[in-house]
Amino acid sequence: MDQVNSYLGQAISALQSGFLKVNEPAGLVIALIAAILVSSWRNLVPMALLATVVLVGIKNLPTLQSGHLPNFTQTGFWTQAGGYLLGYLIIIAVFFGLKSMLFRGGRTAKAH
């Protein structure tokens, strides 16, 4: 049971770390651009996935420039990417919700 709690604690810590990385300026700019590009709630998950890929690419740019790929086989890589995804799901949803409320008046009503 202690081992399960240890793994759970590590996973929560990694998710919090990933979420905090999304709240950095580069992550927020990516989230804002993604929210502008989202046209409906159905596009939220694909856009969050795309934003996660962009942020992972930016964070691993030095590794990629040296001709290497990040180590996709490490659990830490995937838990961090999961934290980014969770953060982007929340932040893009908030930004898109605000965008929807602010620009709702521009829609035309359907005639009955």
N, C-alpha and C. Protein backbone atom coordinates (compact mmCIF):
# COMPACT_ATOMS: atom_id res chain seq x y z
N MET A 1 0.83 -1.20 0.00
CA MET A 1 0.00 0.00 0.00
C MET A 1 0.87 1.26 0.00
N ASP A 2 2.00 1.20 0.70
CA ASP A 2 2.90 2.35 0.74
C ASP A 2 3.46 2.66 -0.65
N GLN A 3 3.69 1.61 -1.43
CA GLN A 3 4.23 1.80 -2.77
C GLN A 3 3.19 2.48 -3.67
N VAL A 4 1.93 2.11 -3.53
CA VAL A 4 0.85 2.73 -4.30
C VAL A 4 0.75 4.21 -3.94
N ASN A 5 0.82 4.52 -2.64
CA ASN A 5 0.77 5.92 -2.21
C ASN A 5 1.97 6.69 -2.73
N SER A 6 3.13 6.04 -2.78
CA SER A 6 4.33 6.68 -3.30
C SER A 6 4.16 7.02 -4.78
N TYR A 7 3.66 6.05 -5.57
CA TYR A 7 3.43 6.30 -7.00
C TYR A 7 2.37 7.37 -7.22
N LEU A 8 1.34 7.33 -6.42
CA LEU A 8 0.27 8.32 -6.53
C LEU A 8 0.80 9.72 -6.20
N GLY A 9 1.62 9.81 -5.16
CA GLY A 9 2.23 11.09 -4.80
C GLY A 9 3.14 11.62 -5.88
N GLN A 10 3.92 10.73 -6.50
CA GLN A 10 4.80 11.14 -7.60
C GLN A 10 3.99 11.62 -8.80
N ALA A 11 2.90 10.92 -9.11
CA ALA A 11 2.06 11.31 -10.24
C ALA A 11 1.42 12.67 -10.00
N ILE A 12 0.91 12.89 -8.80
CA ILE A 12 0.29 14.18 -8.48
C ILE A 12 1.32 15.30 -8.54
N SER A 13 2.51 15.04 -8.03
CA SER A 13 3.58 16.03 -8.08
C SER A 13 3.96 16.37 -9.52
N ALA A 14 4.06 15.36 -10.37
CA ALA A 14 4.40 15.60 -11.77
C ALA A 14 3.31 16.38 -12.48
N LEU A 15 2.03 16.06 -12.19
CA LEU A 15 0.93 16.79 -12.81
C LEU A 15 0.92 18.25 -12.36
N GLN A 16 1.18 18.49 -11.08
CA GLN A 16 1.24 19.87 -10.58
C GLN A 16 2.38 20.63 -11.25
N SER A 17 3.52 19.97 -11.39
CA SER A 17 4.67 20.60 -12.04
C SER A 17 4.36 20.94 -13.48
N GLY A 18 3.72 20.01 -14.19
CA GLY A 18 3.35 20.27 -15.58
C GLY A 18 2.35 21.39 -15.70
N PHE A 19 1.38 21.42 -14.80
CA PHE A 19 0.37 22.48 -14.82
C PHE A 19 1.02 23.83 -14.56
N LEU A 20 1.99 23.88 -13.65
CA LEU A 20 2.67 25.15 -13.38
C LEU A 20 3.48 25.62 -14.58
N LYS A 21 4.03 24.69 -15.36
CA LYS A 21 4.78 25.06 -16.56
C LYS A 21 3.86 25.71 -17.59
N VAL A 22 2.62 25.25 -17.66
CA VAL A 22 1.66 25.84 -18.59
C VAL A 22 1.35 27.27 -18.18
N ASN A 23 1.42 27.57 -16.90
CA ASN A 23 1.12 28.91 -16.40
C ASN A 23 2.28 29.89 -16.57
N GLU A 24 3.37 29.47 -17.19
CA GLU A 24 4.46 30.38 -17.51
C GLU A 24 4.06 31.19 -18.75
N PRO A 25 4.77 32.30 -19.03
CA PRO A 25 4.37 33.15 -20.16
C PRO A 25 4.25 32.41 -21.50
N ALA A 26 5.21 31.57 -21.85
CA ALA A 26 5.12 30.86 -23.13
C ALA A 26 3.89 29.96 -23.15
N GLY A 27 3.61 29.28 -22.06
CA GLY A 27 2.45 28.40 -21.99
C GLY A 27 1.14 29.16 -22.10
N LEU A 28 1.08 30.33 -21.48
CA LEU A 28 -0.14 31.13 -21.55
C LEU A 28 -0.37 31.71 -22.95
N VAL A 29 0.72 32.08 -23.63
CA VAL A 29 0.59 32.57 -25.01
C VAL A 29 0.06 31.46 -25.91
N ILE A 30 0.61 30.26 -25.74
CA ILE A 30 0.13 29.12 -26.52
C ILE A 30 -1.35 28.87 -26.22
N ALA A 31 -1.74 28.93 -24.95
CA ALA A 31 -3.14 28.71 -24.57
C ALA A 31 -4.04 29.79 -25.15
N LEU A 32 -3.60 31.02 -25.15
CA LEU A 32 -4.41 32.11 -25.71
C LEU A 32 -4.62 31.93 -27.20
N ILE A 33 -3.55 31.58 -27.92
CA ILE A 33 -3.66 31.34 -29.36
C ILE A 33 -4.60 30.16 -29.62
N ALA A 34 -4.45 29.11 -28.82
CA ALA A 34 -5.32 27.94 -28.98
C ALA A 34 -6.78 28.30 -28.73
N ALA A 35 -7.04 29.10 -27.71
CA ALA A 35 -8.42 29.50 -27.41
C ALA A 35 -9.01 30.34 -28.53
N ILE A 36 -8.20 31.15 -29.16
CA ILE A 36 -8.68 31.95 -30.29
C ILE A 36 -9.03 31.05 -31.47
N LEU A 37 -8.24 29.98 -31.66
CA LEU A 37 -8.46 29.08 -32.79
C LEU A 37 -9.57 28.07 -32.55
N VAL A 38 -9.93 27.82 -31.29
CA VAL A 38 -11.01 26.87 -30.99
C VAL A 38 -12.33 27.46 -31.45
N SER A 39 -13.07 26.69 -32.26
CA SER A 39 -14.34 27.20 -32.78
C SER A 39 -15.55 26.64 -32.03
N SER A 40 -15.37 25.52 -31.32
CA SER A 40 -16.46 24.96 -30.53
C SER A 40 -15.86 24.12 -29.41
N TRP A 41 -16.72 23.74 -28.46
CA TRP A 41 -16.25 22.94 -27.33
C TRP A 41 -15.72 21.59 -27.78
N ARG A 42 -16.21 21.09 -28.92
CA ARG A 42 -15.74 19.80 -29.42
C ARG A 42 -14.27 19.84 -29.82
N ASN A 43 -13.77 21.01 -30.15
CA ASN A 43 -12.38 21.15 -30.57
C ASN A 43 -11.42 21.37 -29.41
N LEU A 44 -11.94 21.37 -28.19
CA LEU A 44 -11.11 21.67 -27.03
C LEU A 44 -10.00 20.63 -26.82
N VAL A 45 -10.35 19.35 -26.84
CA VAL A 45 -9.36 18.31 -26.58
C VAL A 45 -8.30 18.26 -27.68
N PRO A 46 -8.68 18.27 -28.98
CA PRO A 46 -7.63 18.28 -30.00
C PRO A 46 -6.71 19.50 -29.91
N MET A 47 -7.27 20.66 -29.58
CA MET A 47 -6.45 21.86 -29.48
C MET A 47 -5.53 21.78 -28.26
N ALA A 48 -6.01 21.20 -27.16
CA ALA A 48 -5.15 21.02 -25.98
C ALA A 48 -4.02 20.05 -26.29
N LEU A 49 -4.31 19.01 -27.07
CA LEU A 49 -3.26 18.08 -27.48
C LEU A 49 -2.22 18.78 -28.35
N LEU A 50 -2.69 19.59 -29.29
CA LEU A 50 -1.77 20.33 -30.15
C LEU A 50 -0.93 21.31 -29.33
N ALA A 51 -1.55 22.01 -28.40
CA ALA A 51 -0.81 22.94 -27.54
C ALA A 51 0.23 22.21 -26.71
N THR A 52 -0.10 21.00 -26.25
CA THR A 52 0.84 20.20 -25.48
C THR A 52 2.04 19.83 -26.33
N VAL A 53 1.79 19.42 -27.57
CA VAL A 53 2.90 19.07 -28.48
C VAL A 53 3.79 20.27 -28.73
N VAL A 54 3.19 21.44 -28.91
CA VAL A 54 3.97 22.67 -29.15
C VAL A 54 4.83 22.98 -27.92
N LEU A 55 4.25 22.91 -26.73
CA LEU A 55 5.02 23.22 -25.52
C LEU A 55 6.13 22.20 -25.29
N VAL A 56 5.85 20.92 -25.52
CA VAL A 56 6.89 19.90 -25.38
C VAL A 56 8.01 20.18 -26.37
N GLY A 57 7.66 20.58 -27.58
CA GLY A 57 8.68 20.93 -28.58
C GLY A 57 9.52 22.11 -28.15
N ILE A 58 8.88 23.12 -27.59
CA ILE A 58 9.62 24.30 -27.13
C ILE A 58 10.53 23.94 -25.96
N LYS A 59 10.00 23.17 -25.01
CA LYS A 59 10.80 22.79 -23.84
C LYS A 59 11.99 21.91 -24.22
N ASN A 60 11.85 21.13 -25.29
CA ASN A 60 12.91 20.22 -25.72
C ASN A 60 13.67 20.73 -26.93
N LEU A 61 13.55 22.02 -27.23
CA LEU A 61 14.22 22.60 -28.39
C LEU A 61 15.73 22.39 -28.38
N PRO A 62 16.42 22.60 -27.24
CA PRO A 62 17.87 22.34 -27.26
C PRO A 62 18.20 20.89 -27.60
N THR A 63 17.43 19.96 -27.10
CA THR A 63 17.65 18.54 -27.40
C THR A 63 17.40 18.27 -28.87
N LEU A 64 16.34 18.86 -29.42
CA LEU A 64 16.01 18.65 -30.82
C LEU A 64 17.05 19.29 -31.74
N GLN A 65 17.58 20.45 -31.35
CA GLN A 65 18.59 21.12 -32.16
C GLN A 65 19.90 20.35 -32.20
N SER A 66 20.17 19.58 -31.17
CA SER A 66 21.40 18.79 -31.16
C SER A 66 21.24 17.49 -31.95
N GLY A 67 20.08 17.28 -32.56
CA GLY A 67 19.85 16.12 -33.39
C GLY A 67 19.34 14.91 -32.63
N HIS A 68 18.89 15.11 -31.41
CA HIS A 68 18.37 14.02 -30.60
C HIS A 68 16.89 14.23 -30.32
N LEU A 69 16.24 13.15 -29.98
CA LEU A 69 14.84 13.22 -29.57
C LEU A 69 14.76 13.08 -28.06
N PRO A 70 13.72 13.62 -27.45
CA PRO A 70 13.51 13.39 -26.02
C PRO A 70 13.33 11.89 -25.77
N ASN A 71 13.59 11.47 -24.55
CA ASN A 71 13.45 10.06 -24.21
C ASN A 71 11.98 9.74 -23.94
N PHE A 72 11.32 9.24 -24.97
CA PHE A 72 9.89 8.94 -24.87
C PHE A 72 9.61 7.71 -24.02
N THR A 73 10.64 6.97 -23.67
CA THR A 73 10.43 5.74 -22.91
C THR A 73 10.39 5.98 -21.41
N GLN A 74 10.71 7.17 -20.97
CA GLN A 74 10.70 7.45 -19.53
C GLN A 74 9.31 7.85 -19.07
N THR A 75 8.95 7.34 -17.92
CA THR A 75 7.65 7.67 -17.33
C THR A 75 7.55 9.16 -17.03
N GLY A 76 8.65 9.76 -16.62
CA GLY A 76 8.65 11.18 -16.30
C GLY A 76 8.26 12.05 -17.47
N PHE A 77 8.68 11.67 -18.67
CA PHE A 77 8.31 12.44 -19.86
C PHE A 77 6.80 12.45 -20.04
N TRP A 78 6.17 11.28 -19.90
CA TRP A 78 4.74 11.16 -20.14
C TRP A 78 3.91 11.77 -19.01
N THR A 79 4.39 11.69 -17.78
CA THR A 79 3.63 12.33 -16.69
C THR A 79 3.71 13.85 -16.82
N GLN A 80 4.86 14.35 -17.25
CA GLN A 80 4.98 15.79 -17.47
C GLN A 80 4.08 16.22 -18.62
N ALA A 81 4.07 15.45 -19.71
CA ALA A 81 3.19 15.77 -20.84
C ALA A 81 1.73 15.69 -20.42
N GLY A 82 1.39 14.74 -19.56
CA GLY A 82 0.03 14.65 -19.03
C GLY A 82 -0.34 15.87 -18.20
N GLY A 83 0.63 16.38 -17.44
CA GLY A 83 0.40 17.61 -16.68
C GLY A 83 0.17 18.80 -17.59
N TYR A 84 0.96 18.87 -18.67
CA TYR A 84 0.74 19.94 -19.64
C TYR A 84 -0.65 19.84 -20.24
N LEU A 85 -1.04 18.62 -20.62
CA LEU A 85 -2.36 18.43 -21.24
C LEU A 85 -3.48 18.83 -20.29
N LEU A 86 -3.40 18.39 -19.05
CA LEU A 86 -4.41 18.76 -18.06
C LEU A 86 -4.47 20.27 -17.88
N GLY A 87 -3.30 20.90 -17.78
CA GLY A 87 -3.26 22.35 -17.65
C GLY A 87 -3.87 23.06 -18.84
N TYR A 88 -3.54 22.57 -20.05
CA TYR A 88 -4.10 23.19 -21.24
C TYR A 88 -5.60 22.97 -21.36
N LEU A 89 -6.08 21.81 -20.97
CA LEU A 89 -7.52 21.59 -21.00
C LEU A 89 -8.25 22.62 -20.14
N ILE A 90 -7.70 22.89 -18.97
CA ILE A 90 -8.34 23.83 -18.05
C ILE A 90 -8.21 25.27 -18.55
N ILE A 91 -7.00 25.66 -18.92
CA ILE A 91 -6.76 27.06 -19.29
C ILE A 91 -7.44 27.41 -20.61
N ILE A 92 -7.35 26.52 -21.60
CA ILE A 92 -8.00 26.81 -22.88
C ILE A 92 -9.52 26.85 -22.69
N ALA A 93 -10.06 25.98 -21.85
CA ALA A 93 -11.50 26.00 -21.58
C ALA A 93 -11.91 27.33 -20.95
N VAL A 94 -11.12 27.82 -20.01
CA VAL A 94 -11.44 29.11 -19.38
C VAL A 94 -11.37 30.23 -20.41
N PHE A 95 -10.28 30.26 -21.19
CA PHE A 95 -10.14 31.32 -22.20
C PHE A 95 -11.26 31.23 -23.24
N PHE A 96 -11.59 30.01 -23.69
CA PHE A 96 -12.65 29.85 -24.69
C PHE A 96 -14.01 30.24 -24.11
N GLY A 97 -14.24 29.89 -22.84
CA GLY A 97 -15.48 30.29 -22.20
C GLY A 97 -15.62 31.80 -22.13
N LEU A 98 -14.53 32.47 -21.78
CA LEU A 98 -14.55 33.94 -21.75
C LEU A 98 -14.78 34.51 -23.15
N LYS A 99 -14.11 33.92 -24.14
CA LYS A 99 -14.28 34.38 -25.51
C LYS A 99 -15.74 34.19 -25.94
N SER A 100 -16.33 33.07 -25.60
CA SER A 100 -17.72 32.80 -25.97
C SER A 100 -18.68 33.79 -25.32
N MET A 101 -18.44 34.13 -24.07
CA MET A 101 -19.31 35.08 -23.38
C MET A 101 -19.14 36.50 -23.92
N LEU A 102 -17.92 36.88 -24.22
CA LEU A 102 -17.67 38.25 -24.68
C LEU A 102 -18.18 38.50 -26.08
N PHE A 103 -18.10 37.49 -26.95
CA PHE A 103 -18.47 37.69 -28.34
C PHE A 103 -19.78 37.03 -28.72
N ARG A 104 -20.62 36.71 -27.74
CA ARG A 104 -21.92 36.08 -27.98
C ARG A 104 -22.85 37.03 -28.71
N GLY A 105 -22.73 38.31 -28.49
CA GLY A 105 -23.65 39.29 -29.08
C GLY A 105 -23.53 39.39 -30.59
N GLY A 106 -22.48 38.90 -31.18
CA GLY A 106 -22.31 38.98 -32.62
C GLY A 106 -23.09 37.95 -33.41
N ARG A 107 -23.69 36.96 -32.74
CA ARG A 107 -24.47 35.94 -33.43
C ARG A 107 -25.85 36.47 -33.78
N THR A 108 -26.36 35.99 -34.89
CA THR A 108 -27.71 36.41 -35.28
C THR A 108 -28.70 35.36 -34.80
N ALA A 109 -29.84 35.82 -34.40
CA ALA A 109 -30.89 34.91 -33.92
C ALA A 109 -31.59 34.27 -35.10
N LYS A 110 -31.98 32.99 -34.95
CA LYS A 110 -32.71 32.31 -36.01
C LYS A 110 -34.18 32.73 -35.98
N ALA A 111 -34.73 32.91 -37.15
CA ALA A 111 -36.15 33.27 -37.27
C ALA A 111 -36.99 32.03 -37.09
N HIS A 112 -38.13 32.16 -36.40
CA HIS A 112 -39.03 31.02 -36.18
C HIS A 112 -40.14 31.06 -37.15
